[in-house]
Amino acid sequence: MRDWTIARFRLLGFLPLILFLAQVAHYARFGGLGNLAWMCNVGNLLLAIGLFLNHKELIRAAAIWTIPGLGIWFWFVWLNGSTPWSSTLAHVGGIIVGMIVLRRVRMDRIAWLYALAWYLFMQLVSRTVTSPDLNVNVAHHIQTGWENTFSSYWKFWLVMTVVGAVGLWAIGLVLSWIWPAASIKAQVEEPA
């Protein structure tokens, strides 16, 4: 691959970085900077870093999370009608950039593990540095509406983590069918 093509690909990192910075500007203006730690918001930053460094695992982990991130955002934020423009750009733009770059880096079968590790790391960060009132990444207490189903936060967290892991595995599997990493290796190894 030519150096200029690699450089152009890395420059795509400015798109998710701009999406993240738009959210930074929004939360700096209206309060709640802890909301930047939501998986979907900080995922744009992870995607930007992955692109700048040409780090496939970071790109894959961020791209996988754009899918549940968009769904959760749509259900809990967009449908409530209180959606700032930066939030729409961050979620819709993030998934668009993620899917575009996956065409290039492809998806391996273990990418869901990177996404799960990222989730566990962000759970720790959210629990440590964000306000319990924000309940970022549901890291502090049971999601509203589930209090009657779970008797403790840790039972809720464990179930949510297992369900999340299964969901990430399924998303990774589907994406690896669409853009399999092995197909590139097979093409390179075939005699000309």
C-alpha atoms as a PDB file:
ATOM      1  CA  MET A   1       0.000   0.000   0.000  1.00  0.00           C
ATOM      2  CA  ARG A   2       1.293   3.447  -0.874  1.00  0.00           C
ATOM      3  CA  ASP A   3       2.310   5.847   1.883  1.00  0.00           C
ATOM      4  CA  TRP A   4      -0.103   8.528   0.674  1.00  0.00           C
ATOM      5  CA  THR A   5      -3.011   6.058   0.829  1.00  0.00           C
ATOM      6  CA  ILE A   6      -2.127   5.165   4.427  1.00  0.00           C
ATOM      7  CA  ALA A   7      -1.821   8.847   5.306  1.00  0.00           C
ATOM      8  CA  ARG A   8      -5.206   9.611   3.719  1.00  0.00           C
ATOM      9  CA  PHE A   9      -6.794   6.745   5.647  1.00  0.00           C
ATOM     10  CA  ARG A  10      -5.328   8.038   8.903  1.00  0.00           C
ATOM     11  CA  LEU A  11      -6.668  11.511   8.135  1.00  0.00           C
ATOM     12  CA  LEU A  12     -10.181  10.034   8.350  1.00  0.00           C
ATOM     13  CA  GLY A  13      -9.529  10.125  12.100  1.00  0.00           C
ATOM     14  CA  PHE A  14     -10.343  13.825  12.049  1.00  0.00           C
ATOM     15  CA  LEU A  15     -14.004  13.032  11.279  1.00  0.00           C
ATOM     16  CA  PRO A  16     -14.776  11.126  14.517  1.00  0.00           C
ATOM     17  CA  LEU A  17     -12.523  13.547  16.410  1.00  0.00           C
ATOM     18  CA  ILE A  18     -14.652  16.456  15.189  1.00  0.00           C
ATOM     19  CA  LEU A  19     -17.802  14.533  16.196  1.00  0.00           C
ATOM     20  CA  PHE A  20     -16.365  14.020  19.682  1.00  0.00           C
ATOM     21  CA  LEU A  21     -15.291  17.672  19.953  1.00  0.00           C
ATOM     22  CA  ALA A  22     -18.804  18.780  18.964  1.00  0.00           C
ATOM     23  CA  GLN A  23     -20.089  16.825  21.972  1.00  0.00           C
ATOM     24  CA  VAL A  24     -17.365  18.388  24.154  1.00  0.00           C
ATOM     25  CA  ALA A  25     -18.519  21.858  23.058  1.00  0.00           C
ATOM     26  CA  HIS A  26     -22.166  20.969  23.720  1.00  0.00           C
ATOM     27  CA  TYR A  27     -21.556  19.596  27.224  1.00  0.00           C
ATOM     28  CA  ALA A  28     -19.131  22.403  28.085  1.00  0.00           C
ATOM     29  CA  ARG A  29     -21.830  24.914  27.173  1.00  0.00           C
ATOM     30  CA  PHE A  30     -24.820  23.170  28.752  1.00  0.00           C
ATOM     31  CA  GLY A  31     -23.173  21.184  31.561  1.00  0.00           C
ATOM     32  CA  GLY A  32     -22.735  17.501  32.184  1.00  0.00           C
ATOM     33  CA  LEU A  33     -19.189  16.924  30.889  1.00  0.00           C
ATOM     34  CA  GLY A  34     -19.390  13.475  32.495  1.00  0.00           C
ATOM     35  CA  ASN A  35     -21.712  12.521  29.632  1.00  0.00           C
ATOM     36  CA  LEU A  36     -18.658  12.428  27.375  1.00  0.00           C
ATOM     37  CA  ALA A  37     -17.798   9.072  28.987  1.00  0.00           C
ATOM     38  CA  TRP A  38     -20.840   7.354  27.443  1.00  0.00           C
ATOM     39  CA  MET A  39     -19.629   4.533  25.194  1.00  0.00           C
ATOM     40  CA  CYS A  40     -21.047   6.199  22.090  1.00  0.00           C
ATOM     41  CA  ASN A  41     -19.432   9.585  22.790  1.00  0.00           C
ATOM     42  CA  VAL A  42     -15.996   8.385  23.820  1.00  0.00           C
ATOM     43  CA  GLY A  43     -16.232   5.744  21.075  1.00  0.00           C
ATOM     44  CA  ASN A  44     -15.725   8.499  18.500  1.00  0.00           C
ATOM     45  CA  LEU A  45     -12.531   9.477  20.313  1.00  0.00           C
ATOM     46  CA  LEU A  46     -11.398   5.824  20.347  1.00  0.00           C
ATOM     47  CA  LEU A  47     -12.177   5.552  16.629  1.00  0.00           C
ATOM     48  CA  ALA A  48     -10.160   8.708  15.926  1.00  0.00           C
ATOM     49  CA  ILE A  49      -7.180   7.420  17.914  1.00  0.00           C
ATOM     50  CA  GLY A  50      -7.423   4.045  16.176  1.00  0.00           C
ATOM     51  CA  LEU A  51      -7.420   5.729  12.779  1.00  0.00           C
ATOM     52  CA  PHE A  52      -4.543   8.086  13.625  1.00  0.00           C
ATOM     53  CA  LEU A  53      -2.461   5.143  14.845  1.00  0.00           C
ATOM     54  CA  ASN A  54      -3.762   2.711  12.190  1.00  0.00           C
ATOM     55  CA  HIS A  55      -4.591   0.368  15.090  1.00  0.00           C
ATOM     56  CA  LYS A  56      -7.080  -2.203  13.830  1.00  0.00           C
ATOM     57  CA  GLU A  57      -8.196  -3.461  17.240  1.00  0.00           C
ATOM     58  CA  LEU A  58      -9.130   0.036  18.426  1.00  0.00           C
ATOM     59  CA  ILE A  59     -10.956   0.737  15.169  1.00  0.00           C
ATOM     60  CA  ARG A  60     -12.856  -2.547  15.383  1.00  0.00           C
ATOM     61  CA  ALA A  61     -13.833  -2.081  19.050  1.00  0.00           C
ATOM     62  CA  ALA A  62     -15.116   1.438  18.388  1.00  0.00           C
ATOM     63  CA  ALA A  63     -16.932   0.417  15.199  1.00  0.00           C
ATOM     64  CA  ILE A  64     -18.713  -2.476  16.918  1.00  0.00           C
ATOM     65  CA  TRP A  65     -19.955  -0.149  19.672  1.00  0.00           C
ATOM     66  CA  THR A  66     -21.461   2.296  17.175  1.00  0.00           C
ATOM     67  CA  ILE A  67     -24.262  -0.204  16.499  1.00  0.00           C
ATOM     68  CA  PRO A  68     -25.679  -0.680  20.022  1.00  0.00           C
ATOM     69  CA  GLY A  69     -24.756   2.941  20.756  1.00  0.00           C
ATOM     70  CA  LEU A  70     -26.985   4.160  17.947  1.00  0.00           C
ATOM     71  CA  GLY A  71     -29.859   1.930  19.055  1.00  0.00           C
ATOM     72  CA  ILE A  72     -29.642   2.922  22.721  1.00  0.00           C
ATOM     73  CA  TRP A  73     -29.298   6.604  21.840  1.00  0.00           C
ATOM     74  CA  PHE A  74     -32.275   6.409  19.484  1.00  0.00           C
ATOM     75  CA  TRP A  75     -34.464   4.733  22.116  1.00  0.00           C
ATOM     76  CA  PHE A  76     -33.504   6.790  25.170  1.00  0.00           C
ATOM     77  CA  VAL A  77     -32.588  10.174  23.682  1.00  0.00           C
ATOM     78  CA  TRP A  78     -33.882  10.781  20.166  1.00  0.00           C
ATOM     79  CA  LEU A  79     -37.392   9.446  20.795  1.00  0.00           C
ATOM     80  CA  ASN A  80     -37.661  11.775  23.812  1.00  0.00           C
ATOM     81  CA  GLY A  81     -37.240  14.726  21.464  1.00  0.00           C
ATOM     82  CA  SER A  82     -34.515  16.450  23.460  1.00  0.00           C
ATOM     83  CA  THR A  83     -31.726  15.727  21.037  1.00  0.00           C
ATOM     84  CA  PRO A  84     -29.021  18.329  20.412  1.00  0.00           C
ATOM     85  CA  TRP A  85     -27.589  18.511  16.913  1.00  0.00           C
ATOM     86  CA  SER A  86     -24.131  17.452  18.153  1.00  0.00           C
ATOM     87  CA  SER A  87     -25.610  14.264  19.603  1.00  0.00           C
ATOM     88  CA  THR A  88     -27.240  13.324  16.306  1.00  0.00           C
ATOM     89  CA  LEU A  89     -23.975  13.984  14.476  1.00  0.00           C
ATOM     90  CA  ALA A  90     -21.976  11.953  17.006  1.00  0.00           C
ATOM     91  CA  HIS A  91     -24.202   8.891  16.772  1.00  0.00           C
ATOM     92  CA  VAL A  92     -25.140   8.856  13.109  1.00  0.00           C
ATOM     93  CA  GLY A  93     -21.763  10.161  11.962  1.00  0.00           C
ATOM     94  CA  GLY A  94     -19.923   7.704  14.208  1.00  0.00           C
ATOM     95  CA  ILE A  95     -21.639   4.666  12.730  1.00  0.00           C
ATOM     96  CA  ILE A  96     -21.138   5.945   9.172  1.00  0.00           C
ATOM     97  CA  VAL A  97     -17.394   6.482   9.693  1.00  0.00           C
ATOM     98  CA  GLY A  98     -17.123   3.177  11.563  1.00  0.00           C
ATOM     99  CA  MET A  99     -18.698   1.176   8.766  1.00  0.00           C
ATOM    100  CA  ILE A 100     -16.658   2.965   6.087  1.00  0.00           C
ATOM    101  CA  VAL A 101     -13.353   2.191   7.806  1.00  0.00           C
ATOM    102  CA  LEU A 102     -14.358  -1.419   8.504  1.00  0.00           C
ATOM    103  CA  ARG A 103     -14.407  -1.968   4.750  1.00  0.00           C
ATOM    104  CA  ARG A 104     -10.689  -1.250   4.865  1.00  0.00           C
ATOM    105  CA  VAL A 105      -9.522  -2.848   8.131  1.00  0.00           C
ATOM    106  CA  ARG A 106     -11.989  -5.756   7.943  1.00  0.00           C
ATOM    107  CA  MET A 107     -13.380  -7.577  10.962  1.00  0.00           C
ATOM    108  CA  ASP A 108     -11.820 -10.547  12.673  1.00  0.00           C
ATOM    109  CA  ARG A 109     -13.743 -13.096  14.730  1.00  0.00           C
ATOM    110  CA  ILE A 110     -12.313 -11.962  18.075  1.00  0.00           C
ATOM    111  CA  ALA A 111     -12.974  -8.239  17.666  1.00  0.00           C
ATOM    112  CA  TRP A 112     -15.945  -8.520  20.017  1.00  0.00           C
ATOM    113  CA  LEU A 113     -13.434  -9.279  22.796  1.00  0.00           C
ATOM    114  CA  TYR A 114     -11.734  -5.929  22.155  1.00  0.00           C
ATOM    115  CA  ALA A 115     -15.145  -4.269  22.340  1.00  0.00           C
ATOM    116  CA  LEU A 116     -15.936  -6.094  25.594  1.00  0.00           C
ATOM    117  CA  ALA A 117     -12.580  -5.086  27.108  1.00  0.00           C
ATOM    118  CA  TRP A 118     -13.302  -1.477  26.091  1.00  0.00           C
ATOM    119  CA  TYR A 119     -16.721  -1.716  27.767  1.00  0.00           C
ATOM    120  CA  LEU A 120     -15.256  -3.066  31.004  1.00  0.00           C
ATOM    121  CA  PHE A 121     -12.598  -0.348  31.008  1.00  0.00           C
ATOM    122  CA  MET A 122     -15.222   2.366  30.429  1.00  0.00           C
ATOM    123  CA  GLN A 123     -17.391   0.884  33.205  1.00  0.00           C
ATOM    124  CA  LEU A 124     -14.480   1.379  35.591  1.00  0.00           C
ATOM    125  CA  VAL A 125     -13.801   4.892  34.301  1.00  0.00           C
ATOM    126  CA  SER A 126     -17.492   5.842  34.463  1.00  0.00           C
ATOM    127  CA  ARG A 127     -17.867   4.500  37.983  1.00  0.00           C
ATOM    128  CA  THR A 128     -14.695   6.278  39.112  1.00  0.00           C
ATOM    129  CA  VAL A 129     -14.927   9.717  37.516  1.00  0.00           C
ATOM    130  CA  THR A 130     -18.566  10.448  36.633  1.00  0.00           C
ATOM    131  CA  SER A 131     -21.381  11.596  38.857  1.00  0.00           C
ATOM    132  CA  PRO A 132     -23.767   8.908  40.120  1.00  0.00           C
ATOM    133  CA  ASP A 133     -26.597  11.276  39.129  1.00  0.00           C
ATOM    134  CA  LEU A 134     -25.655  10.901  35.456  1.00  0.00           C
ATOM    135  CA  ASN A 135     -25.337   7.088  35.743  1.00  0.00           C
ATOM    136  CA  VAL A 136     -23.048   7.103  32.707  1.00  0.00           C
ATOM    137  CA  ASN A 137     -22.892   3.665  31.059  1.00  0.00           C
ATOM    138  CA  VAL A 138     -25.229   2.551  33.849  1.00  0.00           C
ATOM    139  CA  ALA A 139     -22.125   2.219  36.021  1.00  0.00           C
ATOM    140  CA  HIS A 140     -23.632   3.465  39.301  1.00  0.00           C
ATOM    141  CA  HIS A 141     -27.118   2.096  39.770  1.00  0.00           C
ATOM    142  CA  ILE A 142     -29.867   0.027  38.160  1.00  0.00           C
ATOM    143  CA  GLN A 143     -31.368   1.572  35.018  1.00  0.00           C
ATOM    144  CA  THR A 144     -34.705   3.198  35.771  1.00  0.00           C
ATOM    145  CA  GLY A 145     -37.528   0.744  35.189  1.00  0.00           C
ATOM    146  CA  TRP A 146     -35.517  -2.350  36.148  1.00  0.00           C
ATOM    147  CA  GLU A 147     -35.576  -1.863  39.929  1.00  0.00           C
ATOM    148  CA  ASN A 148     -38.330  -4.456  40.444  1.00  0.00           C
ATOM    149  CA  THR A 149     -36.475  -7.063  38.367  1.00  0.00           C
ATOM    150  CA  PHE A 150     -33.115  -6.902  40.165  1.00  0.00           C
ATOM    151  CA  SER A 151     -32.564  -6.897  43.919  1.00  0.00           C
ATOM    152  CA  SER A 152     -29.057  -5.399  43.700  1.00  0.00           C
ATOM    153  CA  TYR A 153     -27.003  -3.317  41.326  1.00  0.00           C
ATOM    154  CA  TRP A 154     -24.343  -6.023  40.979  1.00  0.00           C
ATOM    155  CA  LYS A 155     -26.885  -8.608  39.781  1.00  0.00           C
ATOM    156  CA  PHE A 156     -28.131  -6.050  37.255  1.00  0.00           C
ATOM    157  CA  TRP A 157     -24.560  -5.270  36.208  1.00  0.00           C
ATOM    158  CA  LEU A 158     -23.668  -8.934  35.766  1.00  0.00           C
ATOM    159  CA  VAL A 159     -26.742  -9.650  33.633  1.00  0.00           C
ATOM    160  CA  MET A 160     -26.167  -6.473  31.610  1.00  0.00           C
ATOM    161  CA  THR A 161     -22.524  -7.433  31.041  1.00  0.00           C
ATOM    162  CA  VAL A 162     -23.401 -10.964  29.906  1.00  0.00           C
ATOM    163  CA  VAL A 163     -26.171  -9.693  27.605  1.00  0.00           C
ATOM    164  CA  GLY A 164     -23.784  -7.031  26.307  1.00  0.00           C
ATOM    165  CA  ALA A 165     -21.061  -9.620  25.663  1.00  0.00           C
ATOM    166  CA  VAL A 166     -23.477 -11.829  23.723  1.00  0.00           C
ATOM    167  CA  GLY A 167     -24.664  -8.801  21.739  1.00  0.00           C
ATOM    168  CA  LEU A 168     -21.093  -7.728  20.954  1.00  0.00           C
ATOM    169  CA  TRP A 169     -20.253 -11.287  19.876  1.00  0.00           C
ATOM    170  CA  ALA A 170     -23.288 -11.348  17.551  1.00  0.00           C
ATOM    171  CA  ILE A 171     -22.478  -7.933  16.068  1.00  0.00           C
ATOM    172  CA  GLY A 172     -18.838  -8.940  15.580  1.00  0.00           C
ATOM    173  CA  LEU A 173     -19.902 -12.178  13.921  1.00  0.00           C
ATOM    174  CA  VAL A 174     -22.216 -10.431  11.466  1.00  0.00           C
ATOM    175  CA  LEU A 175     -19.594  -7.793  10.662  1.00  0.00           C
ATOM    176  CA  SER A 176     -16.986 -10.528  10.124  1.00  0.00           C
ATOM    177  CA  TRP A 177     -19.342 -12.151   7.610  1.00  0.00           C
ATOM    178  CA  ILE A 178     -19.701  -8.832   5.775  1.00  0.00           C
ATOM    179  CA  TRP A 179     -16.022  -7.802   5.937  1.00  0.00           C
ATOM    180  CA  PRO A 180     -14.008 -10.901   6.860  1.00  0.00           C
ATOM    181  CA  ALA A 181     -10.376 -10.291   7.748  1.00  0.00           C
ATOM    182  CA  ALA A 182      -9.422 -13.787   6.556  1.00  0.00           C
ATOM    183  CA  SER A 183     -10.515 -13.070   2.965  1.00  0.00           C
ATOM    184  CA  ILE A 184      -7.761 -10.482   2.540  1.00  0.00           C
ATOM    185  CA  LYS A 185      -5.137 -12.934   3.808  1.00  0.00           C
ATOM    186  CA  ALA A 186      -6.421 -15.620   1.435  1.00  0.00           C
ATOM    187  CA  GLN A 187      -6.238 -13.238  -1.538  1.00  0.00           C
ATOM    188  CA  VAL A 188      -2.652 -12.299  -0.710  1.00  0.00           C
ATOM    189  CA  GLU A 189      -1.584 -15.927  -0.380  1.00  0.00           C
ATOM    190  CA  GLU A 190      -3.146 -17.070  -3.672  1.00  0.00           C
ATOM    191  CA  PRO A 191      -0.604 -17.553  -6.481  1.00  0.00           C
ATOM    192  CA  ALA A 192      -0.910 -15.054  -9.312  1.00  0.00           C
END
